Amino acid sequence: MTIRMDHFMYAVPSLEDGILWSKDAFGIEPAYGGEHVGLGTRNALLSLGNTYLEIIAPDPAQPQSGTFGERLSNLSGGGLVTWCAESGLSEVASNLSGLGVKTSKPTRTKRQTTNGEVMEWELLFPLESPHGGCMPFFIDWLDCANPKATNPIAGEFQSLSISTPNAQDLERILDAVGLDVSISSGEQSLSVSIATKNGDVILSSTPETSKTSLR
């Protein structure tokens, strides 16, 4: 099974604030991605070389009640929420099932870009994971171009570090599906190191974002 890190999700309560944060952190303005209809969110994107960064925020043009966007609107600031790996979803679901990890069925998702193009892809979510956002979700881009190749370059992804109370269990799962990640025991948190022209930038989760669920 071919699997690799795809992207990191950085949540903000306002996309305008997220864009200003990006300019300050990277010296680069992210490209507007589009809206996730029904999820109450919209995003902006930055390439990190072999991965990319998704800055995700509530979409004020959509109904918010009960959506992921509503949960983001309650944040007091930005931080990493979770991360995503790219793979064939049927195979990864089968592998996770064999490891005792329940998953959703593959879900077709789409958004419309600023030029009117509709992008469609499929997502697979772990269910009832004790590791929260430290456990990745999974994506199959189908026929879409990966955003890592089509957005402004902020820098180069260097490393992902994870902390979770049961580090041994998460390490067992990720190793079995082919993801090599640094994991330590402790409070749930994520940290991503990015090399930029102005030095390394470290992105981290916060106590708020580490408790913010996608579903």
N, C-alpha and C. Protein backbone atom coordinates (compact mmCIF):
# COMPACT_ATOMS: atom_id res chain seq x y z
N MET A 1 0.84 -1.20 0.00
CA MET A 1 0.00 0.00 0.00
C MET A 1 0.88 1.25 0.00
N THR A 2 0.60 2.15 -0.92
CA THR A 2 1.31 3.43 -0.96
C THR A 2 0.59 4.43 -0.09
N ILE A 3 1.32 5.03 0.84
CA ILE A 3 0.73 6.01 1.74
C ILE A 3 1.77 7.09 2.04
N ARG A 4 1.32 8.31 2.19
CA ARG A 4 2.24 9.40 2.51
C ARG A 4 1.48 10.52 3.20
N MET A 5 2.22 11.36 3.91
CA MET A 5 1.60 12.54 4.51
C MET A 5 1.07 13.44 3.41
N ASP A 6 -0.15 13.92 3.59
CA ASP A 6 -0.75 14.78 2.57
C ASP A 6 -0.78 16.24 3.01
N HIS A 7 -1.42 16.51 4.15
CA HIS A 7 -1.47 17.91 4.58
C HIS A 7 -1.75 18.03 6.07
N PHE A 8 -1.61 19.27 6.54
CA PHE A 8 -1.84 19.60 7.94
C PHE A 8 -2.93 20.67 8.00
N MET A 9 -3.84 20.52 8.95
CA MET A 9 -4.99 21.41 9.06
C MET A 9 -4.77 22.40 10.21
N TYR A 10 -4.69 23.67 9.85
CA TYR A 10 -4.49 24.74 10.83
C TYR A 10 -5.79 25.54 10.90
N ALA A 11 -6.46 25.48 12.05
CA ALA A 11 -7.77 26.10 12.19
C ALA A 11 -7.68 27.50 12.77
N VAL A 12 -8.52 28.38 12.25
CA VAL A 12 -8.60 29.76 12.74
C VAL A 12 -10.07 30.16 12.83
N PRO A 13 -10.42 31.08 13.73
CA PRO A 13 -11.82 31.49 13.84
C PRO A 13 -12.27 32.42 12.72
N SER A 14 -11.32 32.98 11.96
CA SER A 14 -11.63 33.89 10.86
C SER A 14 -10.58 33.69 9.77
N LEU A 15 -11.02 33.49 8.52
CA LEU A 15 -10.05 33.28 7.45
C LEU A 15 -9.23 34.54 7.20
N GLU A 16 -9.83 35.70 7.35
CA GLU A 16 -9.07 36.94 7.18
C GLU A 16 -7.92 37.00 8.18
N ASP A 17 -8.19 36.61 9.42
CA ASP A 17 -7.13 36.59 10.43
C ASP A 17 -6.09 35.53 10.09
N GLY A 18 -6.54 34.40 9.53
CA GLY A 18 -5.62 33.34 9.15
C GLY A 18 -4.68 33.77 8.04
N ILE A 19 -5.18 34.55 7.10
CA ILE A 19 -4.35 35.05 6.01
C ILE A 19 -3.32 36.04 6.54
N LEU A 20 -3.73 36.90 7.45
CA LEU A 20 -2.78 37.84 8.07
C LEU A 20 -1.72 37.09 8.86
N TRP A 21 -2.13 36.05 9.58
CA TRP A 21 -1.19 35.21 10.33
C TRP A 21 -0.17 34.59 9.39
N SER A 22 -0.63 34.07 8.24
CA SER A 22 0.26 33.44 7.27
C SER A 22 1.30 34.43 6.75
N LYS A 23 0.86 35.63 6.43
CA LYS A 23 1.79 36.65 5.94
C LYS A 23 2.87 36.95 6.98
N ASP A 24 2.46 36.98 8.24
CA ASP A 24 3.41 37.26 9.32
C ASP A 24 4.35 36.09 9.56
N ALA A 25 3.81 34.86 9.54
CA ALA A 25 4.61 33.67 9.85
C ALA A 25 5.54 33.28 8.71
N PHE A 26 5.06 33.39 7.46
CA PHE A 26 5.82 32.89 6.31
C PHE A 26 6.26 33.98 5.34
N GLY A 27 5.69 35.17 5.45
CA GLY A 27 5.96 36.20 4.47
C GLY A 27 5.30 35.91 3.14
N ILE A 28 4.28 35.04 3.15
CA ILE A 28 3.60 34.61 1.93
C ILE A 28 2.09 34.68 2.15
N GLU A 29 1.37 35.17 1.16
CA GLU A 29 -0.09 35.15 1.24
C GLU A 29 -0.60 33.83 0.66
N PRO A 30 -1.40 33.08 1.40
CA PRO A 30 -1.92 31.82 0.88
C PRO A 30 -2.94 32.07 -0.23
N ALA A 31 -3.13 31.06 -1.07
CA ALA A 31 -4.15 31.15 -2.11
C ALA A 31 -5.50 30.74 -1.55
N TYR A 32 -6.52 31.48 -1.91
CA TYR A 32 -7.86 31.11 -1.48
C TYR A 32 -8.23 29.78 -2.13
N GLY A 33 -8.72 28.85 -1.34
CA GLY A 33 -9.09 27.55 -1.87
C GLY A 33 -10.53 27.52 -2.33
N GLY A 34 -11.45 27.60 -1.38
CA GLY A 34 -12.86 27.56 -1.72
C GLY A 34 -13.69 27.19 -0.51
N GLU A 35 -14.96 26.88 -0.76
CA GLU A 35 -15.90 26.59 0.30
C GLU A 35 -16.20 25.10 0.36
N HIS A 36 -16.39 24.59 1.57
CA HIS A 36 -16.83 23.21 1.77
C HIS A 36 -18.32 23.27 2.11
N VAL A 37 -19.14 23.08 1.09
CA VAL A 37 -20.58 23.24 1.25
C VAL A 37 -21.12 22.16 2.19
N GLY A 38 -21.88 22.59 3.18
CA GLY A 38 -22.45 21.67 4.15
C GLY A 38 -21.61 21.50 5.40
N LEU A 39 -20.33 21.85 5.31
CA LEU A 39 -19.45 21.75 6.48
C LEU A 39 -19.30 23.09 7.19
N GLY A 40 -19.75 24.16 6.52
CA GLY A 40 -19.67 25.48 7.13
C GLY A 40 -18.28 26.08 7.14
N THR A 41 -17.41 25.61 6.25
CA THR A 41 -16.02 26.08 6.26
C THR A 41 -15.56 26.53 4.88
N ARG A 42 -14.46 27.26 4.88
CA ARG A 42 -13.72 27.63 3.68
C ARG A 42 -12.24 27.61 4.03
N ASN A 43 -11.37 27.66 3.01
CA ASN A 43 -9.95 27.52 3.33
C ASN A 43 -9.06 28.36 2.43
N ALA A 44 -7.80 28.44 2.84
CA ALA A 44 -6.71 29.00 2.05
C ALA A 44 -5.54 28.03 2.17
N LEU A 45 -4.68 28.00 1.15
CA LEU A 45 -3.70 26.92 1.04
C LEU A 45 -2.29 27.43 0.76
N LEU A 46 -1.32 26.70 1.32
CA LEU A 46 0.10 26.95 1.09
C LEU A 46 0.81 25.63 0.83
N SER A 47 1.67 25.59 -0.17
CA SER A 47 2.49 24.41 -0.41
C SER A 47 3.65 24.36 0.57
N LEU A 48 3.94 23.14 1.05
CA LEU A 48 5.12 22.90 1.90
C LEU A 48 6.05 21.92 1.21
N GLY A 49 6.09 21.95 -0.12
CA GLY A 49 6.93 21.03 -0.87
C GLY A 49 6.21 19.73 -1.12
N ASN A 50 6.51 18.70 -0.33
CA ASN A 50 5.88 17.39 -0.50
C ASN A 50 4.55 17.27 0.25
N THR A 51 4.17 18.30 0.98
CA THR A 51 2.89 18.35 1.66
C THR A 51 2.33 19.76 1.49
N TYR A 52 1.21 20.03 2.15
CA TYR A 52 0.72 21.40 2.11
C TYR A 52 0.01 21.74 3.42
N LEU A 53 -0.23 23.01 3.62
CA LEU A 53 -0.91 23.51 4.81
C LEU A 53 -2.28 24.03 4.41
N GLU A 54 -3.29 23.55 5.09
CA GLU A 54 -4.65 24.05 4.91
C GLU A 54 -5.00 24.95 6.08
N ILE A 55 -5.28 26.20 5.80
CA ILE A 55 -5.78 27.14 6.80
C ILE A 55 -7.30 27.13 6.66
N ILE A 56 -7.98 26.62 7.67
CA ILE A 56 -9.43 26.40 7.56
C ILE A 56 -10.16 27.25 8.59
N ALA A 57 -11.31 27.78 8.17
CA ALA A 57 -12.05 28.73 9.00
C ALA A 57 -13.54 28.61 8.70
N PRO A 58 -14.37 29.17 9.57
CA PRO A 58 -15.80 29.21 9.27
C PRO A 58 -16.07 30.01 8.00
N ASP A 59 -17.11 29.60 7.28
CA ASP A 59 -17.56 30.35 6.11
C ASP A 59 -18.83 31.10 6.49
N PRO A 60 -18.76 32.41 6.66
CA PRO A 60 -19.93 33.16 7.12
C PRO A 60 -21.10 33.14 6.14
N ALA A 61 -20.86 32.71 4.91
CA ALA A 61 -21.94 32.65 3.92
C ALA A 61 -22.78 31.38 4.05
N GLN A 62 -22.33 30.44 4.89
CA GLN A 62 -23.05 29.18 5.06
C GLN A 62 -23.72 29.10 6.43
N PRO A 63 -24.81 28.30 6.53
CA PRO A 63 -25.38 28.02 7.85
C PRO A 63 -24.33 27.35 8.73
N GLN A 64 -24.25 27.75 9.98
CA GLN A 64 -23.19 27.26 10.86
C GLN A 64 -23.66 26.25 11.91
N SER A 65 -24.93 26.23 12.22
CA SER A 65 -25.41 25.42 13.33
C SER A 65 -25.07 23.94 13.15
N GLY A 66 -24.35 23.38 14.12
CA GLY A 66 -24.02 21.97 14.11
C GLY A 66 -22.89 21.58 13.19
N THR A 67 -22.19 22.54 12.58
CA THR A 67 -21.14 22.23 11.61
C THR A 67 -19.75 22.35 12.23
N PHE A 68 -18.77 21.86 11.48
CA PHE A 68 -17.37 22.04 11.86
C PHE A 68 -17.05 23.53 11.91
N GLY A 69 -17.61 24.28 10.99
CA GLY A 69 -17.38 25.72 10.98
C GLY A 69 -17.84 26.38 12.26
N GLU A 70 -18.96 25.94 12.82
CA GLU A 70 -19.43 26.50 14.08
C GLU A 70 -18.42 26.25 15.20
N ARG A 71 -17.84 25.04 15.22
CA ARG A 71 -16.85 24.74 16.25
C ARG A 71 -15.61 25.62 16.09
N LEU A 72 -15.23 25.90 14.85
CA LEU A 72 -14.07 26.76 14.62
C LEU A 72 -14.35 28.20 15.04
N SER A 73 -15.58 28.63 14.89
CA SER A 73 -15.92 30.02 15.23
C SER A 73 -15.79 30.28 16.72
N ASN A 74 -15.76 29.22 17.53
CA ASN A 74 -15.63 29.38 18.98
C ASN A 74 -14.18 29.41 19.44
N LEU A 75 -13.23 29.22 18.52
CA LEU A 75 -11.82 29.25 18.91
C LEU A 75 -11.40 30.68 19.26
N SER A 76 -10.48 30.79 20.21
CA SER A 76 -9.95 32.11 20.56
C SER A 76 -8.71 32.46 19.74
N GLY A 77 -8.15 31.48 19.04
CA GLY A 77 -6.96 31.70 18.22
C GLY A 77 -6.69 30.50 17.34
N GLY A 78 -5.62 30.57 16.56
CA GLY A 78 -5.31 29.52 15.60
C GLY A 78 -4.45 28.41 16.19
N GLY A 79 -4.51 27.24 15.55
CA GLY A 79 -3.67 26.12 15.95
C GLY A 79 -3.95 24.90 15.10
N LEU A 80 -3.04 23.94 15.13
CA LEU A 80 -3.23 22.70 14.40
C LEU A 80 -4.37 21.90 15.01
N VAL A 81 -5.20 21.32 14.15
CA VAL A 81 -6.32 20.48 14.57
C VAL A 81 -6.00 19.01 14.34
N THR A 82 -5.50 18.70 13.15
CA THR A 82 -5.22 17.32 12.80
C THR A 82 -4.35 17.29 11.55
N TRP A 83 -4.14 16.10 11.02
CA TRP A 83 -3.36 15.94 9.80
C TRP A 83 -3.99 14.86 8.96
N CYS A 84 -3.52 14.75 7.72
CA CYS A 84 -4.14 13.86 6.74
C CYS A 84 -3.07 13.11 5.96
N ALA A 85 -3.36 11.85 5.66
CA ALA A 85 -2.48 11.03 4.84
C ALA A 85 -3.20 10.63 3.56
N GLU A 86 -2.46 10.53 2.47
CA GLU A 86 -3.03 10.16 1.17
C GLU A 86 -2.80 8.69 0.91
N SER A 87 -3.86 7.99 0.52
CA SER A 87 -3.75 6.56 0.24
C SER A 87 -5.02 6.09 -0.47
N GLY A 88 -4.97 4.86 -1.00
CA GLY A 88 -6.19 4.23 -1.47
C GLY A 88 -7.07 3.90 -0.28
N LEU A 89 -8.32 4.36 -0.28
CA LEU A 89 -9.12 4.30 0.94
C LEU A 89 -9.61 2.90 1.27
N SER A 90 -9.92 2.09 0.29
CA SER A 90 -10.40 0.74 0.58
C SER A 90 -9.32 -0.07 1.29
N GLU A 91 -8.09 0.07 0.81
CA GLU A 91 -7.00 -0.69 1.40
C GLU A 91 -6.67 -0.20 2.81
N VAL A 92 -6.63 1.10 2.99
CA VAL A 92 -6.30 1.61 4.32
C VAL A 92 -7.43 1.29 5.30
N ALA A 93 -8.68 1.31 4.85
CA ALA A 93 -9.79 0.95 5.73
C ALA A 93 -9.69 -0.50 6.16
N SER A 94 -9.32 -1.37 5.23
CA SER A 94 -9.15 -2.78 5.55
C SER A 94 -8.03 -2.99 6.56
N ASN A 95 -6.91 -2.30 6.34
CA ASN A 95 -5.78 -2.41 7.26
C ASN A 95 -6.15 -1.90 8.65
N LEU A 96 -6.84 -0.78 8.71
CA LEU A 96 -7.23 -0.23 10.01
C LEU A 96 -8.22 -1.14 10.72
N SER A 97 -9.14 -1.74 9.97
CA SER A 97 -10.08 -2.67 10.58
C SER A 97 -9.36 -3.84 11.23
N GLY A 98 -8.31 -4.33 10.55
CA GLY A 98 -7.52 -5.42 11.10
C GLY A 98 -6.77 -5.04 12.36
N LEU A 99 -6.58 -3.74 12.55
CA LEU A 99 -5.90 -3.23 13.74
C LEU A 99 -6.88 -2.84 14.84
N GLY A 100 -8.17 -3.06 14.58
CA GLY A 100 -9.19 -2.71 15.57
C GLY A 100 -9.63 -1.27 15.52
N VAL A 101 -9.34 -0.57 14.42
CA VAL A 101 -9.72 0.84 14.29
C VAL A 101 -10.96 0.94 13.40
N LYS A 102 -12.05 1.46 13.94
CA LYS A 102 -13.25 1.67 13.15
C LYS A 102 -13.11 2.92 12.29
N THR A 103 -13.69 2.86 11.10
CA THR A 103 -13.65 4.02 10.21
C THR A 103 -15.02 4.27 9.60
N SER A 104 -15.18 5.49 9.11
CA SER A 104 -16.36 5.82 8.32
C SER A 104 -16.24 5.11 6.97
N LYS A 105 -17.31 5.16 6.19
CA LYS A 105 -17.21 4.77 4.80
C LYS A 105 -16.56 5.93 4.03
N PRO A 106 -15.89 5.64 2.91
CA PRO A 106 -15.35 6.75 2.11
C PRO A 106 -16.44 7.75 1.75
N THR A 107 -16.14 9.02 1.97
CA THR A 107 -17.12 10.09 1.76
C THR A 107 -16.66 11.01 0.63
N ARG A 108 -17.49 11.16 -0.40
CA ARG A 108 -17.16 12.06 -1.50
C ARG A 108 -17.37 13.51 -1.04
N THR A 109 -16.35 14.32 -1.24
CA THR A 109 -16.36 15.72 -0.82
C THR A 109 -15.98 16.59 -2.01
N LYS A 110 -16.45 17.83 -2.03
CA LYS A 110 -16.09 18.70 -3.15
C LYS A 110 -16.06 20.15 -2.69
N ARG A 111 -15.37 20.96 -3.46
CA ARG A 111 -15.42 22.40 -3.29
C ARG A 111 -15.22 23.05 -4.65
N GLN A 112 -15.70 24.27 -4.76
CA GLN A 112 -15.57 25.02 -6.01
C GLN A 112 -14.45 26.03 -5.86
N THR A 113 -13.53 26.03 -6.82
CA THR A 113 -12.40 26.94 -6.78
C THR A 113 -12.83 28.33 -7.27
N THR A 114 -11.93 29.28 -7.12
CA THR A 114 -12.24 30.66 -7.52
C THR A 114 -12.46 30.79 -9.03
N ASN A 115 -11.93 29.85 -9.82
CA ASN A 115 -12.14 29.92 -11.27
C ASN A 115 -13.34 29.09 -11.72
N GLY A 116 -14.11 28.60 -10.75
CA GLY A 116 -15.33 27.87 -11.08
C GLY A 116 -15.17 26.37 -11.22
N GLU A 117 -13.94 25.87 -11.11
CA GLU A 117 -13.70 24.43 -11.22
C GLU A 117 -14.21 23.74 -9.96
N VAL A 118 -14.88 22.60 -10.15
CA VAL A 118 -15.34 21.80 -9.03
C VAL A 118 -14.35 20.66 -8.80
N MET A 119 -13.75 20.63 -7.62
CA MET A 119 -12.82 19.57 -7.25
C MET A 119 -13.56 18.55 -6.39
N GLU A 120 -13.34 17.27 -6.68
CA GLU A 120 -13.97 16.20 -5.90
C GLU A 120 -12.91 15.22 -5.44
N TRP A 121 -13.05 14.75 -4.21
CA TRP A 121 -12.13 13.77 -3.66
C TRP A 121 -12.88 12.94 -2.64
N GLU A 122 -12.23 11.92 -2.09
CA GLU A 122 -12.87 11.07 -1.09
C GLU A 122 -12.08 11.11 0.21
N LEU A 123 -12.80 11.07 1.33
CA LEU A 123 -12.20 11.11 2.66
C LEU A 123 -12.62 9.88 3.46
N LEU A 124 -11.73 9.45 4.33
CA LEU A 124 -12.00 8.35 5.26
C LEU A 124 -11.61 8.81 6.66
N PHE A 125 -12.54 8.68 7.61
CA PHE A 125 -12.28 9.17 8.96
C PHE A 125 -12.23 8.03 9.96
N PRO A 126 -11.25 8.02 10.86
CA PRO A 126 -11.28 7.07 11.97
C PRO A 126 -12.42 7.46 12.91
N LEU A 127 -13.07 6.47 13.50
CA LEU A 127 -14.19 6.72 14.40
C LEU A 127 -13.82 6.32 15.82
N GLU A 128 -14.25 7.09 16.77
CA GLU A 128 -14.07 6.78 18.19
C GLU A 128 -12.61 6.57 18.56
N SER A 129 -11.71 7.32 17.92
CA SER A 129 -10.29 7.17 18.23
C SER A 129 -9.96 7.88 19.53
N PRO A 130 -9.25 7.21 20.45
CA PRO A 130 -8.85 7.87 21.69
C PRO A 130 -7.75 8.91 21.47
N HIS A 131 -7.20 8.95 20.25
CA HIS A 131 -6.08 9.85 19.96
C HIS A 131 -6.51 11.18 19.36
N GLY A 132 -7.81 11.39 19.17
CA GLY A 132 -8.30 12.66 18.65
C GLY A 132 -7.62 13.04 17.34
N GLY A 133 -7.23 14.32 17.23
CA GLY A 133 -6.60 14.80 16.01
C GLY A 133 -5.19 14.30 15.79
N CYS A 134 -4.61 13.60 16.75
CA CYS A 134 -3.29 12.99 16.55
C CYS A 134 -3.37 11.82 15.58
N MET A 135 -4.54 11.21 15.49
CA MET A 135 -4.79 10.16 14.52
C MET A 135 -5.21 10.82 13.21
N PRO A 136 -4.51 10.54 12.11
CA PRO A 136 -4.86 11.22 10.86
C PRO A 136 -6.17 10.73 10.28
N PHE A 137 -6.76 11.54 9.41
CA PHE A 137 -7.77 11.04 8.51
C PHE A 137 -7.10 10.80 7.16
N PHE A 138 -7.82 10.28 6.19
CA PHE A 138 -7.20 9.81 4.95
C PHE A 138 -7.95 10.36 3.74
N ILE A 139 -7.19 10.57 2.66
CA ILE A 139 -7.75 11.19 1.46
C ILE A 139 -7.29 10.46 0.21
N ASP A 140 -8.19 10.37 -0.76
CA ASP A 140 -7.85 9.94 -2.12
C ASP A 140 -8.28 11.08 -3.04
N TRP A 141 -7.29 11.66 -3.73
CA TRP A 141 -7.58 12.84 -4.55
C TRP A 141 -8.25 12.50 -5.88
N LEU A 142 -8.43 11.22 -6.16
CA LEU A 142 -9.08 10.81 -7.40
C LEU A 142 -8.38 11.46 -8.59
N ASP A 143 -9.08 12.25 -9.38
CA ASP A 143 -8.47 12.86 -10.57
C ASP A 143 -8.00 14.30 -10.34
N CYS A 144 -8.08 14.78 -9.10
CA CYS A 144 -7.69 16.16 -8.81
C CYS A 144 -6.18 16.31 -8.69
N ALA A 145 -5.68 17.47 -9.07
CA ALA A 145 -4.29 17.81 -8.79
C ALA A 145 -4.13 18.04 -7.29
N ASN A 146 -3.04 17.52 -6.73
CA ASN A 146 -2.81 17.72 -5.30
C ASN A 146 -2.48 19.19 -5.04
N PRO A 147 -3.09 19.80 -4.03
CA PRO A 147 -2.83 21.23 -3.75
C PRO A 147 -1.38 21.55 -3.45
N LYS A 148 -0.57 20.57 -3.08
CA LYS A 148 0.84 20.85 -2.82
C LYS A 148 1.54 21.39 -4.08
N ALA A 149 0.98 21.04 -5.27
CA ALA A 149 1.63 21.41 -6.53
C ALA A 149 1.05 22.66 -7.16
N THR A 150 0.00 23.22 -6.57
CA THR A 150 -0.72 24.30 -7.25
C THR A 150 -0.88 25.56 -6.42
N ASN A 151 -0.17 25.64 -5.29
CA ASN A 151 -0.35 26.78 -4.39
C ASN A 151 0.98 27.44 -4.03
N PRO A 152 0.95 28.67 -3.52
CA PRO A 152 2.19 29.37 -3.17
C PRO A 152 3.03 28.56 -2.19
N ILE A 153 4.34 28.60 -2.40
CA ILE A 153 5.25 27.81 -1.56
C ILE A 153 5.67 28.63 -0.35
N ALA A 154 5.33 28.12 0.84
CA ALA A 154 5.69 28.80 2.09
C ALA A 154 7.02 28.31 2.62
N GLY A 155 7.40 27.10 2.28
CA GLY A 155 8.63 26.51 2.79
C GLY A 155 8.63 25.02 2.54
N GLU A 156 9.50 24.30 3.25
CA GLU A 156 9.61 22.85 3.11
C GLU A 156 9.27 22.17 4.43
N PHE A 157 8.34 21.24 4.37
CA PHE A 157 8.01 20.45 5.55
C PHE A 157 9.24 19.69 6.03
N GLN A 158 9.50 19.76 7.34
CA GLN A 158 10.64 19.08 7.93
C GLN A 158 10.23 17.87 8.77
N SER A 159 9.29 18.07 9.69
CA SER A 159 8.94 16.97 10.59
C SER A 159 7.59 17.21 11.25
N LEU A 160 6.97 16.10 11.66
CA LEU A 160 5.75 16.12 12.45
C LEU A 160 6.04 15.40 13.76
N SER A 161 5.71 16.04 14.87
CA SER A 161 5.86 15.42 16.19
C SER A 161 4.49 15.35 16.86
N ILE A 162 4.23 14.20 17.46
CA ILE A 162 2.93 13.94 18.08
C ILE A 162 3.13 13.55 19.54
N SER A 163 2.25 14.04 20.39
CA SER A 163 2.21 13.60 21.79
C SER A 163 0.79 13.12 22.08
N THR A 164 0.66 11.96 22.71
CA THR A 164 -0.65 11.42 23.06
C THR A 164 -0.48 10.51 24.27
N PRO A 165 -1.49 10.41 25.13
CA PRO A 165 -1.32 9.61 26.34
C PRO A 165 -0.92 8.16 26.09
N ASN A 166 -1.51 7.53 25.06
CA ASN A 166 -1.16 6.15 24.74
C ASN A 166 -0.34 6.13 23.46
N ALA A 167 0.90 6.61 23.57
CA ALA A 167 1.77 6.73 22.40
C ALA A 167 2.03 5.38 21.75
N GLN A 168 2.17 4.34 22.55
CA GLN A 168 2.50 3.02 22.01
C GLN A 168 1.40 2.52 21.08
N ASP A 169 0.14 2.76 21.44
CA ASP A 169 -0.97 2.31 20.61
C ASP A 169 -1.00 3.06 19.29
N LEU A 170 -0.85 4.38 19.31
CA LEU A 170 -0.86 5.15 18.06
C LEU A 170 0.33 4.78 17.19
N GLU A 171 1.48 4.57 17.80
CA GLU A 171 2.66 4.17 17.03
C GLU A 171 2.43 2.83 16.36
N ARG A 172 1.78 1.90 17.05
CA ARG A 172 1.45 0.59 16.47
C ARG A 172 0.58 0.75 15.23
N ILE A 173 -0.42 1.61 15.32
CA ILE A 173 -1.34 1.80 14.20
C ILE A 173 -0.64 2.46 13.01
N LEU A 174 0.08 3.54 13.27
CA LEU A 174 0.71 4.27 12.17
C LEU A 174 1.82 3.46 11.52
N ASP A 175 2.59 2.74 12.32
CA ASP A 175 3.63 1.88 11.74
C ASP A 175 3.01 0.83 10.83
N ALA A 176 1.89 0.27 11.25
CA ALA A 176 1.26 -0.81 10.49
C ALA A 176 0.73 -0.34 9.14
N VAL A 177 0.33 0.93 9.04
CA VAL A 177 -0.16 1.43 7.75
C VAL A 177 0.93 2.11 6.94
N GLY A 178 2.14 2.21 7.51
CA GLY A 178 3.28 2.72 6.75
C GLY A 178 3.62 4.18 6.97
N LEU A 179 3.18 4.76 8.10
CA LEU A 179 3.49 6.16 8.40
C LEU A 179 4.51 6.23 9.53
N ASP A 180 5.66 6.82 9.24
CA ASP A 180 6.75 6.93 10.20
C ASP A 180 6.72 8.32 10.83
N VAL A 181 6.29 8.39 12.08
CA VAL A 181 6.10 9.67 12.76
C VAL A 181 6.69 9.59 14.16
N SER A 182 7.26 10.71 14.62
CA SER A 182 7.79 10.79 15.98
C SER A 182 6.64 10.96 16.97
N ILE A 183 6.48 9.99 17.89
CA ILE A 183 5.38 10.00 18.85
C ILE A 183 5.93 9.85 20.26
N SER A 184 5.45 10.69 21.17
CA SER A 184 5.85 10.60 22.57
C SER A 184 4.61 10.56 23.45
N SER A 185 4.79 10.14 24.70
CA SER A 185 3.68 10.07 25.65
C SER A 185 3.49 11.43 26.33
N GLY A 186 2.23 11.84 26.45
CA GLY A 186 1.92 13.11 27.10
C GLY A 186 0.54 13.59 26.71
N GLU A 187 0.24 14.84 27.02
CA GLU A 187 -1.03 15.43 26.60
C GLU A 187 -1.11 15.46 25.08
N GLN A 188 -2.33 15.30 24.54
CA GLN A 188 -2.49 15.30 23.08
C GLN A 188 -2.03 16.63 22.49
N SER A 189 -1.10 16.53 21.53
CA SER A 189 -0.64 17.74 20.84
C SER A 189 0.04 17.36 19.54
N LEU A 190 0.06 18.32 18.62
CA LEU A 190 0.73 18.18 17.33
C LEU A 190 1.70 19.33 17.16
N SER A 191 2.83 19.05 16.50
CA SER A 191 3.80 20.10 16.19
C SER A 191 4.41 19.80 14.83
N VAL A 192 4.44 20.80 13.96
CA VAL A 192 5.00 20.65 12.61
C VAL A 192 6.11 21.67 12.43
N SER A 193 7.26 21.21 11.95
CA SER A 193 8.40 22.08 11.68
C SER A 193 8.51 22.31 10.18
N ILE A 194 8.63 23.59 9.79
CA ILE A 194 8.71 23.98 8.39
C ILE A 194 9.92 24.88 8.19
N ALA A 195 10.77 24.52 7.24
CA ALA A 195 11.94 25.35 6.92
C ALA A 195 11.52 26.41 5.91
N THR A 196 11.76 27.68 6.25
CA THR A 196 11.43 28.78 5.35
C THR A 196 12.69 29.59 5.07
N LYS A 197 12.58 30.52 4.14
CA LYS A 197 13.74 31.35 3.79
C LYS A 197 14.18 32.24 4.95
N ASN A 198 13.29 32.43 5.92
CA ASN A 198 13.61 33.26 7.09
C ASN A 198 13.87 32.44 8.35
N GLY A 199 14.05 31.12 8.18
CA GLY A 199 14.29 30.26 9.33
C GLY A 199 13.13 29.30 9.54
N ASP A 200 13.27 28.45 10.55
CA ASP A 200 12.25 27.44 10.81
C ASP A 200 11.01 28.07 11.45
N VAL A 201 9.85 27.59 11.02
CA VAL A 201 8.57 27.97 11.61
C VAL A 201 7.97 26.72 12.24
N ILE A 202 7.57 26.82 13.50
CA ILE A 202 6.97 25.70 14.21
C ILE A 202 5.48 25.99 14.40
N LEU A 203 4.65 25.11 13.89
CA LEU A 203 3.20 25.21 14.09
C LEU A 203 2.79 24.17 15.13
N SER A 204 1.91 24.55 16.03
CA SER A 204 1.50 23.65 17.10
C SER A 204 -0.01 23.69 17.29
N SER A 205 -0.53 22.64 17.90
CA SER A 205 -1.91 22.67 18.36
C SER A 205 -1.98 23.49 19.65
N THR A 206 -3.17 23.83 20.04
CA THR A 206 -3.41 24.52 21.31
C THR A 206 -4.35 23.64 22.14
N PRO A 207 -4.51 23.92 23.43
CA PRO A 207 -5.49 23.15 24.21
C PRO A 207 -6.88 23.17 23.58
N GLU A 208 -7.25 24.28 22.94
CA GLU A 208 -8.55 24.37 22.26
C GLU A 208 -8.58 23.52 21.00
N THR A 209 -7.61 23.73 20.11
CA THR A 209 -7.66 23.04 18.82
C THR A 209 -7.45 21.54 18.96
N SER A 210 -6.71 21.11 19.98
CA SER A 210 -6.49 19.67 20.17
C SER A 210 -7.77 18.96 20.58
N LYS A 211 -8.77 19.72 21.02
CA LYS A 211 -10.06 19.14 21.43
C LYS A 211 -11.16 19.41 20.41
N THR A 212 -10.80 19.99 19.27
CA THR A 212 -11.79 20.33 18.25
C THR A 212 -11.92 19.18 17.26
N SER A 213 -13.09 18.55 17.24
CA SER A 213 -13.29 17.38 16.38
C SER A 213 -13.80 17.80 15.00
N LEU A 214 -13.43 17.00 14.00
CA LEU A 214 -13.87 17.27 12.63
C LEU A 214 -15.34 16.91 12.44
N ARG A 215 -15.78 15.88 13.14
CA ARG A 215 -17.12 15.34 12.90
C ARG A 215 -17.98 15.44 14.16
